[in-house]
All heavy atoms as atom14 arrays in JSON, in Angstrom:
{
  "sequence": "QRLLRLSKGLGNYFASHPTGVPSGRTGRSQ",
  "atom14_mask": [
    [1, 1, 1, 1, 1, 1, 1, 1, 1, 0, 0, 0, 0, 0],
    [1, 1, 1, 1, 1, 1, 1, 1, 1, 1, 1, 0, 0, 0],
    [1, 1, 1, 1, 1, 1, 1, 1, 0, 0, 0, 0, 0, 0],
    [1, 1, 1, 1, 1, 1, 1, 1, 0, 0, 0, 0, 0, 0],
    [1, 1, 1, 1, 1, 1, 1, 1, 1, 1, 1, 0, 0, 0],
    [1, 1, 1, 1, 1, 1, 1, 1, 0, 0, 0, 0, 0, 0],
    [1, 1, 1, 1, 1, 1, 0, 0, 0, 0, 0, 0, 0, 0],
    [1, 1, 1, 1, 1, 1, 1, 1, 1, 0, 0, 0, 0, 0],
    [1, 1, 1, 1, 0, 0, 0, 0, 0, 0, 0, 0, 0, 0],
    [1, 1, 1, 1, 1, 1, 1, 1, 0, 0, 0, 0, 0, 0],
    [1, 1, 1, 1, 0, 0, 0, 0, 0, 0, 0, 0, 0, 0],
    [1, 1, 1, 1, 1, 1, 1, 1, 0, 0, 0, 0, 0, 0],
    [1, 1, 1, 1, 1, 1, 1, 1, 1, 1, 1, 1, 0, 0],
    [1, 1, 1, 1, 1, 1, 1, 1, 1, 1, 1, 0, 0, 0],
    [1, 1, 1, 1, 1, 0, 0, 0, 0, 0, 0, 0, 0, 0],
    [1, 1, 1, 1, 1, 1, 0, 0, 0, 0, 0, 0, 0, 0],
    [1, 1, 1, 1, 1, 1, 1, 1, 1, 1, 0, 0, 0, 0],
    [1, 1, 1, 1, 1, 1, 1, 0, 0, 0, 0, 0, 0, 0],
    [1, 1, 1, 1, 1, 1, 1, 0, 0, 0, 0, 0, 0, 0],
    [1, 1, 1, 1, 0, 0, 0, 0, 0, 0, 0, 0, 0, 0],
    [1, 1, 1, 1, 1, 1, 1, 0, 0, 0, 0, 0, 0, 0],
    [1, 1, 1, 1, 1, 1, 1, 0, 0, 0, 0, 0, 0, 0],
    [1, 1, 1, 1, 1, 1, 0, 0, 0, 0, 0, 0, 0, 0],
    [1, 1, 1, 1, 0, 0, 0, 0, 0, 0, 0, 0, 0, 0],
    [1, 1, 1, 1, 1, 1, 1, 1, 1, 1, 1, 0, 0, 0],
    [1, 1, 1, 1, 1, 1, 1, 0, 0, 0, 0, 0, 0, 0],
    [1, 1, 1, 1, 0, 0, 0, 0, 0, 0, 0, 0, 0, 0],
    [1, 1, 1, 1, 1, 1, 1, 1, 1, 1, 1, 0, 0, 0],
    [1, 1, 1, 1, 1, 1, 0, 0, 0, 0, 0, 0, 0, 0],
    [1, 1, 1, 1, 1, 1, 1, 1, 1, 0, 0, 0, 0, 0]
  ],
  "atom14_positions": [
    [[101.07, 128.02, 111.59], [101.98, 127.09, 112.4], [101.54, 125.74, 112.02], [102.39, 124.78, 111.89], [101.83, 127.44, 113.83], [102.54, 128.69, 114.31], [103.95, 128.69, 113.96], [104.73, 127.73, 114.05], [104.47, 129.82, 113.53], [0.0, 0.0, 0.0], [0.0, 0.0, 0.0], [0.0, 0.0, 0.0], [0.0, 0.0, 0.0], [0.0, 0.0, 0.0]],
    [[100.23, 125.5, 111.99], [99.77, 124.13, 111.61], [100.2, 123.75, 110.14], [100.58, 122.6, 109.96], [98.15, 124.08, 111.69], [97.63, 122.66, 111.34], [96.13, 122.67, 111.57], [95.6, 121.31, 111.24], [95.15, 120.9, 110.09], [95.29, 121.75, 109.01], [94.71, 119.6, 109.93], [0.0, 0.0, 0.0], [0.0, 0.0, 0.0], [0.0, 0.0, 0.0]],
    [[100.17, 124.67, 109.25], [100.54, 124.37, 107.84], [102.06, 124.15, 107.82], [102.52, 123.28, 107.09], [100.18, 125.5, 106.94], [100.37, 125.37, 105.38], [99.7, 124.07, 105.0], [99.84, 126.54, 104.71], [0.0, 0.0, 0.0], [0.0, 0.0, 0.0], [0.0, 0.0, 0.0], [0.0, 0.0, 0.0], [0.0, 0.0, 0.0], [0.0, 0.0, 0.0]],
    [[102.85, 124.85, 108.66], [104.25, 124.64, 108.75], [104.5, 123.2, 109.29], [105.43, 122.5, 108.78], [104.92, 125.63, 109.71], [105.15, 127.04, 109.06], [105.52, 128.01, 110.21], [106.31, 127.0, 108.04], [0.0, 0.0, 0.0], [0.0, 0.0, 0.0], [0.0, 0.0, 0.0], [0.0, 0.0, 0.0], [0.0, 0.0, 0.0], [0.0, 0.0, 0.0]],
    [[103.79, 122.75, 110.26], [104.0, 121.39, 110.79], [103.64, 120.34, 109.68], [104.36, 119.38, 109.61], [103.1, 121.2, 112.05], [103.6, 122.0, 113.24], [102.81, 121.47, 114.53], [101.35, 121.64, 114.43], [100.81, 122.76, 114.83], [101.49, 123.75, 115.35], [99.44, 122.77, 114.73], [0.0, 0.0, 0.0], [0.0, 0.0, 0.0], [0.0, 0.0, 0.0]],
    [[102.54, 120.59, 108.94], [102.2, 119.65, 107.85], [103.29, 119.59, 106.84], [103.63, 118.46, 106.39], [100.88, 120.02, 107.3], [99.51, 119.79, 108.03], [98.34, 120.49, 107.45], [99.37, 118.3, 108.24], [0.0, 0.0, 0.0], [0.0, 0.0, 0.0], [0.0, 0.0, 0.0], [0.0, 0.0, 0.0], [0.0, 0.0, 0.0], [0.0, 0.0, 0.0]],
    [[103.78, 120.8, 106.48], [104.81, 120.81, 105.39], [106.11, 120.08, 105.89], [106.71, 119.31, 105.13], [105.15, 122.28, 105.07], [103.95, 122.89, 104.61], [0.0, 0.0, 0.0], [0.0, 0.0, 0.0], [0.0, 0.0, 0.0], [0.0, 0.0, 0.0], [0.0, 0.0, 0.0], [0.0, 0.0, 0.0], [0.0, 0.0, 0.0], [0.0, 0.0, 0.0]],
    [[106.48, 120.34, 107.13], [107.63, 119.69, 107.66], [107.35, 118.17, 107.76], [108.37, 117.37, 107.41], [108.02, 120.23, 109.06], [109.26, 119.55, 109.74], [109.51, 120.24, 111.04], [110.74, 119.57, 111.72], [111.07, 120.11, 113.06], [0.0, 0.0, 0.0], [0.0, 0.0, 0.0], [0.0, 0.0, 0.0], [0.0, 0.0, 0.0], [0.0, 0.0, 0.0]],
    [[106.21, 117.71, 108.17], [105.93, 116.3, 108.23], [105.96, 115.61, 106.87], [106.45, 114.55, 106.76], [0.0, 0.0, 0.0], [0.0, 0.0, 0.0], [0.0, 0.0, 0.0], [0.0, 0.0, 0.0], [0.0, 0.0, 0.0], [0.0, 0.0, 0.0], [0.0, 0.0, 0.0], [0.0, 0.0, 0.0], [0.0, 0.0, 0.0], [0.0, 0.0, 0.0]],
    [[105.52, 116.32, 105.8], [105.58, 115.73, 104.45], [107.01, 115.67, 104.03], [107.42, 114.68, 103.51], [104.76, 116.64, 103.52], [104.86, 116.21, 102.05], [104.16, 114.8, 101.93], [104.0, 117.2, 101.14], [0.0, 0.0, 0.0], [0.0, 0.0, 0.0], [0.0, 0.0, 0.0], [0.0, 0.0, 0.0], [0.0, 0.0, 0.0], [0.0, 0.0, 0.0]],
    [[107.87, 116.72, 104.34], [109.2, 116.68, 104.06], [109.96, 115.49, 104.73], [110.76, 114.79, 104.11], [0.0, 0.0, 0.0], [0.0, 0.0, 0.0], [0.0, 0.0, 0.0], [0.0, 0.0, 0.0], [0.0, 0.0, 0.0], [0.0, 0.0, 0.0], [0.0, 0.0, 0.0], [0.0, 0.0, 0.0], [0.0, 0.0, 0.0], [0.0, 0.0, 0.0]],
    [[109.63, 115.23, 105.97], [110.2, 114.11, 106.73], [109.81, 112.84, 106.11], [110.62, 111.83, 106.05], [109.82, 114.2, 108.18], [110.43, 115.37, 108.94], [111.5, 115.87, 108.5], [109.88, 115.74, 110.03], [0.0, 0.0, 0.0], [0.0, 0.0, 0.0], [0.0, 0.0, 0.0], [0.0, 0.0, 0.0], [0.0, 0.0, 0.0], [0.0, 0.0, 0.0]],
    [[108.49, 112.74, 105.74], [107.98, 111.52, 105.04], [108.68, 111.25, 103.8], [109.08, 110.12, 103.48], [106.48, 111.61, 104.84], [105.78, 110.4, 104.31], [105.57, 109.33, 105.06], [105.44, 110.41, 103.01], [104.9, 108.14, 104.58], [104.81, 109.34, 102.37], [104.51, 108.21, 103.24], [103.94, 107.11, 102.6], [0.0, 0.0, 0.0], [0.0, 0.0, 0.0]],
    [[108.97, 112.29, 103.01], [109.55, 112.17, 101.73], [111.07, 111.71, 101.92], [111.65, 110.81, 101.28], [109.68, 113.51, 100.97], [110.34, 113.44, 99.7], [109.76, 112.93, 98.51], [111.57, 113.98, 99.61], [110.42, 112.93, 97.38], [112.28, 114.01, 98.43], [111.75, 113.45, 97.22], [0.0, 0.0, 0.0], [0.0, 0.0, 0.0], [0.0, 0.0, 0.0]],
    [[111.7, 112.27, 103.06], [113.05, 111.87, 103.29], [113.21, 110.34, 103.75], [114.21, 109.74, 103.45], [113.62, 112.82, 104.42], [0.0, 0.0, 0.0], [0.0, 0.0, 0.0], [0.0, 0.0, 0.0], [0.0, 0.0, 0.0], [0.0, 0.0, 0.0], [0.0, 0.0, 0.0], [0.0, 0.0, 0.0], [0.0, 0.0, 0.0], [0.0, 0.0, 0.0]],
    [[112.07, 109.96, 104.42], [112.16, 108.53, 104.85], [111.85, 107.6, 103.77], [112.22, 106.34, 103.81], [111.04, 108.34, 105.98], [111.34, 109.15, 107.09], [0.0, 0.0, 0.0], [0.0, 0.0, 0.0], [0.0, 0.0, 0.0], [0.0, 0.0, 0.0], [0.0, 0.0, 0.0], [0.0, 0.0, 0.0], [0.0, 0.0, 0.0], [0.0, 0.0, 0.0]],
    [[111.18, 108.07, 102.65], [110.77, 107.15, 101.54], [111.15, 107.87, 100.26], [110.26, 108.19, 99.41], [109.25, 106.87, 101.6], [108.89, 106.36, 102.87], [108.98, 105.09, 103.29], [108.15, 106.92, 103.87], [108.5, 104.88, 104.5], [107.94, 105.96, 104.83], [0.0, 0.0, 0.0], [0.0, 0.0, 0.0], [0.0, 0.0, 0.0], [0.0, 0.0, 0.0]],
    [[112.42, 108.14, 99.97], [112.83, 108.97, 98.76], [112.57, 108.28, 97.48], [112.43, 109.04, 96.49], [114.35, 109.15, 99.04], [114.76, 107.95, 99.87], [113.59, 107.7, 100.71], [0.0, 0.0, 0.0], [0.0, 0.0, 0.0], [0.0, 0.0, 0.0], [0.0, 0.0, 0.0], [0.0, 0.0, 0.0], [0.0, 0.0, 0.0], [0.0, 0.0, 0.0]],
    [[112.44, 106.92, 97.33], [112.32, 106.31, 96.19], [110.9, 106.02, 95.84], [110.5, 105.53, 94.72], [113.09, 104.95, 96.13], [112.51, 104.13, 97.19], [114.63, 105.2, 96.35], [0.0, 0.0, 0.0], [0.0, 0.0, 0.0], [0.0, 0.0, 0.0], [0.0, 0.0, 0.0], [0.0, 0.0, 0.0], [0.0, 0.0, 0.0], [0.0, 0.0, 0.0]],
    [[109.97, 106.26, 96.78], [108.58, 106.02, 96.56], [107.76, 105.76, 97.86], [108.45, 105.45, 98.87], [0.0, 0.0, 0.0], [0.0, 0.0, 0.0], [0.0, 0.0, 0.0], [0.0, 0.0, 0.0], [0.0, 0.0, 0.0], [0.0, 0.0, 0.0], [0.0, 0.0, 0.0], [0.0, 0.0, 0.0], [0.0, 0.0, 0.0], [0.0, 0.0, 0.0]],
    [[106.54, 105.91, 97.83], [105.7, 105.66, 99.03], [105.48, 104.22, 99.26], [105.45, 103.32, 98.32], [104.31, 106.42, 98.83], [104.51, 107.89, 98.57], [103.41, 105.75, 97.78], [0.0, 0.0, 0.0], [0.0, 0.0, 0.0], [0.0, 0.0, 0.0], [0.0, 0.0, 0.0], [0.0, 0.0, 0.0], [0.0, 0.0, 0.0], [0.0, 0.0, 0.0]],
    [[105.32, 103.8, 100.53], [105.04, 102.38, 100.82], [103.7, 101.98, 100.22], [102.73, 102.66, 100.27], [104.95, 102.31, 102.35], [105.67, 103.55, 102.83], [105.39, 104.57, 101.74], [0.0, 0.0, 0.0], [0.0, 0.0, 0.0], [0.0, 0.0, 0.0], [0.0, 0.0, 0.0], [0.0, 0.0, 0.0], [0.0, 0.0, 0.0], [0.0, 0.0, 0.0]],
    [[103.65, 100.76, 99.58], [102.4, 100.21, 99.1], [101.52, 99.75, 100.3], [101.98, 99.43, 101.36], [102.72, 99.07, 98.1], [103.4, 98.03, 98.78], [0.0, 0.0, 0.0], [0.0, 0.0, 0.0], [0.0, 0.0, 0.0], [0.0, 0.0, 0.0], [0.0, 0.0, 0.0], [0.0, 0.0, 0.0], [0.0, 0.0, 0.0], [0.0, 0.0, 0.0]],
    [[100.26, 99.64, 99.95], [99.32, 99.28, 101.13], [98.8, 97.79, 100.8], [99.12, 97.19, 99.8], [0.0, 0.0, 0.0], [0.0, 0.0, 0.0], [0.0, 0.0, 0.0], [0.0, 0.0, 0.0], [0.0, 0.0, 0.0], [0.0, 0.0, 0.0], [0.0, 0.0, 0.0], [0.0, 0.0, 0.0], [0.0, 0.0, 0.0], [0.0, 0.0, 0.0]],
    [[97.95, 97.39, 101.75], [97.35, 96.06, 101.66], [96.22, 96.17, 100.61], [95.34, 97.01, 100.73], [96.87, 95.6, 102.98], [97.94, 95.36, 103.96], [97.29, 95.2, 105.35], [96.83, 96.46, 105.89], [96.12, 96.5, 107.03], [95.92, 95.44, 107.76], [95.78, 97.71, 107.43], [0.0, 0.0, 0.0], [0.0, 0.0, 0.0], [0.0, 0.0, 0.0]],
    [[96.26, 95.25, 99.71], [95.15, 95.25, 98.7], [93.97, 94.4, 99.3], [94.18, 93.47, 100.14], [95.56, 94.6, 97.36], [96.06, 93.23, 97.64], [96.66, 95.33, 96.73], [0.0, 0.0, 0.0], [0.0, 0.0, 0.0], [0.0, 0.0, 0.0], [0.0, 0.0, 0.0], [0.0, 0.0, 0.0], [0.0, 0.0, 0.0], [0.0, 0.0, 0.0]],
    [[92.79, 94.75, 98.92], [91.58, 94.05, 99.42], [91.27, 94.22, 100.91], [90.69, 93.4, 101.53], [0.0, 0.0, 0.0], [0.0, 0.0, 0.0], [0.0, 0.0, 0.0], [0.0, 0.0, 0.0], [0.0, 0.0, 0.0], [0.0, 0.0, 0.0], [0.0, 0.0, 0.0], [0.0, 0.0, 0.0], [0.0, 0.0, 0.0], [0.0, 0.0, 0.0]],
    [[91.84, 95.37, 101.55], [91.66, 95.58, 102.91], [90.2, 95.81, 103.23], [89.42, 96.4, 102.49], [92.43, 96.8, 103.39], [92.46, 97.01, 104.88], [93.43, 98.15, 105.17], [93.02, 99.4, 104.67], [92.15, 100.19, 105.26], [91.54, 99.88, 106.46], [91.77, 101.34, 104.74], [0.0, 0.0, 0.0], [0.0, 0.0, 0.0], [0.0, 0.0, 0.0]],
    [[89.71, 95.15, 104.36], [88.34, 95.19, 104.68], [87.8, 96.69, 104.83], [88.45, 97.52, 105.43], [88.03, 94.48, 106.0], [86.66, 94.7, 106.47], [0.0, 0.0, 0.0], [0.0, 0.0, 0.0], [0.0, 0.0, 0.0], [0.0, 0.0, 0.0], [0.0, 0.0, 0.0], [0.0, 0.0, 0.0], [0.0, 0.0, 0.0], [0.0, 0.0, 0.0]],
    [[86.69, 96.95, 104.32], [86.11, 98.29, 104.49], [85.05, 98.35, 105.57], [84.29, 99.34, 105.68], [85.43, 98.75, 103.11], [86.44, 98.79, 102.04], [87.39, 99.92, 102.1], [87.03, 101.08, 102.0], [88.64, 99.58, 102.35], [0.0, 0.0, 0.0], [0.0, 0.0, 0.0], [0.0, 0.0, 0.0], [0.0, 0.0, 0.0], [0.0, 0.0, 0.0]]
  ]
}
């Protein structure tokens, strides 16, 4: 069930960003 939720979450994320993943902030503080 947990793996199903993860798979569905990834599918939703892909549907929200079909052309590519959002870029992040460069040089973010560690």
